[in-house]
Protein backbone atom coordinates (compact mmCIF):
# COMPACT_ATOMS: atom_id res chain seq x y z
CA MET A 1 0.00 0.00 0.00
CA ALA A 2 1.54 3.30 -1.08
CA ILE A 3 1.54 6.22 1.33
CA ASP A 4 1.74 9.84 0.18
CA VAL A 5 5.19 10.79 1.45
CA ASN A 6 4.58 14.53 1.13
CA SER A 7 1.54 14.39 3.39
CA LEU A 8 3.65 12.80 6.15
CA LEU A 9 6.91 14.73 5.94
CA VAL A 10 5.56 18.19 6.68
CA PRO A 11 7.49 20.86 8.61
CA GLY A 12 7.82 19.90 12.25
CA THR A 13 7.69 16.13 11.66
CA ALA A 14 10.26 14.22 13.72
CA VAL A 15 12.39 11.95 11.55
CA GLU A 16 15.38 9.63 11.72
CA VAL A 17 18.15 9.81 9.12
CA SER A 18 20.02 6.82 7.74
CA ASN A 19 23.74 6.92 8.48
CA LEU A 20 25.56 6.01 5.27
CA PHE A 21 28.71 5.01 7.16
CA THR A 22 27.27 2.66 9.78
CA GLY A 23 23.96 1.57 8.23
CA THR A 24 22.09 2.66 11.35
CA TRP A 25 19.42 5.32 11.91
CA SER A 26 20.13 8.58 13.76
CA SER A 27 17.32 10.32 15.62
CA GLY A 28 16.93 13.89 16.82
CA PHE A 29 15.90 15.66 13.62
CA ARG A 30 12.78 17.38 12.34
CA VAL A 31 11.64 18.42 8.88
CA VAL A 32 12.01 22.15 8.18
CA GLY A 33 10.86 22.18 4.57
CA ARG A 34 10.86 20.54 1.17
CA GLU A 35 12.86 21.60 -1.88
CA PRO A 36 13.02 20.05 -5.36
CA GLY A 37 16.28 18.30 -4.36
CA GLY A 38 15.11 16.90 -1.02
CA TYR A 39 14.13 17.80 2.51
CA ARG A 40 15.68 20.44 4.78
CA LEU A 41 16.23 19.20 8.33
CA ALA A 42 17.10 20.75 11.67
CA ARG A 43 18.48 19.25 14.86
CA GLN A 44 15.81 19.05 17.54
CA SER A 45 18.36 19.74 20.29
CA ASP A 46 19.22 23.29 19.24
CA GLY A 47 17.08 24.02 16.18
CA SER A 48 20.10 24.41 13.90
CA GLU A 49 19.27 23.74 10.27
CA LEU A 50 21.60 21.28 8.57
CA PRO A 51 23.51 22.59 5.52
CA ALA A 52 22.36 19.82 3.15
CA LEU A 53 19.22 18.47 1.54
CA PHE A 54 18.19 14.91 2.37
CA SER A 55 16.63 12.49 -0.09
CA PRO A 56 13.41 10.92 1.18
CA VAL A 57 15.01 7.46 0.91
CA ARG A 58 17.30 8.47 3.79
CA LEU A 59 14.41 9.44 6.09
CA ARG A 60 11.88 7.58 8.19
CA LEU A 61 9.34 8.60 10.80
CA VAL A 62 10.59 8.25 14.37
CA GLY A 63 9.93 4.80 15.78
CA ARG A 64 8.71 3.34 12.49
CA SER A 65 11.24 0.65 11.58
CA ASP A 66 8.41 -1.32 9.97
CA GLN A 67 7.00 1.44 7.80
CA ALA A 68 6.50 0.79 4.11
CA MET A 69 6.44 4.20 2.52
CA ALA A 70 5.89 4.59 -1.22
CA GLY A 71 4.96 0.94 -1.37
CA VAL A 72 8.34 -0.73 -0.80
CA GLY A 73 10.89 -1.15 1.97
CA SER A 74 11.32 0.43 5.37
CA ARG A 75 12.39 3.83 4.15
CA VAL A 76 10.46 6.73 2.72
CA GLY A 77 10.66 6.31 -1.06
CA VAL A 78 11.09 8.45 -4.17
CA GLY A 79 13.55 11.26 -4.53
């Protein structure tokens, strides 16, 4: 079942980010906005916006290791 990614990843949504080096998920981030190239994130601890855009395939909702976004897998799909 496909889920509309854009309806879930709205500003203020808490997300985890996949760590490309360790293959684990890092928590403590929230969505700030969406750009054509990906999502802008900020750290929840101090509100600092990160200087990069994140592809939706690198994001998941907090506590949702079983989620099947965009129909496949455990990550939010489509870039």
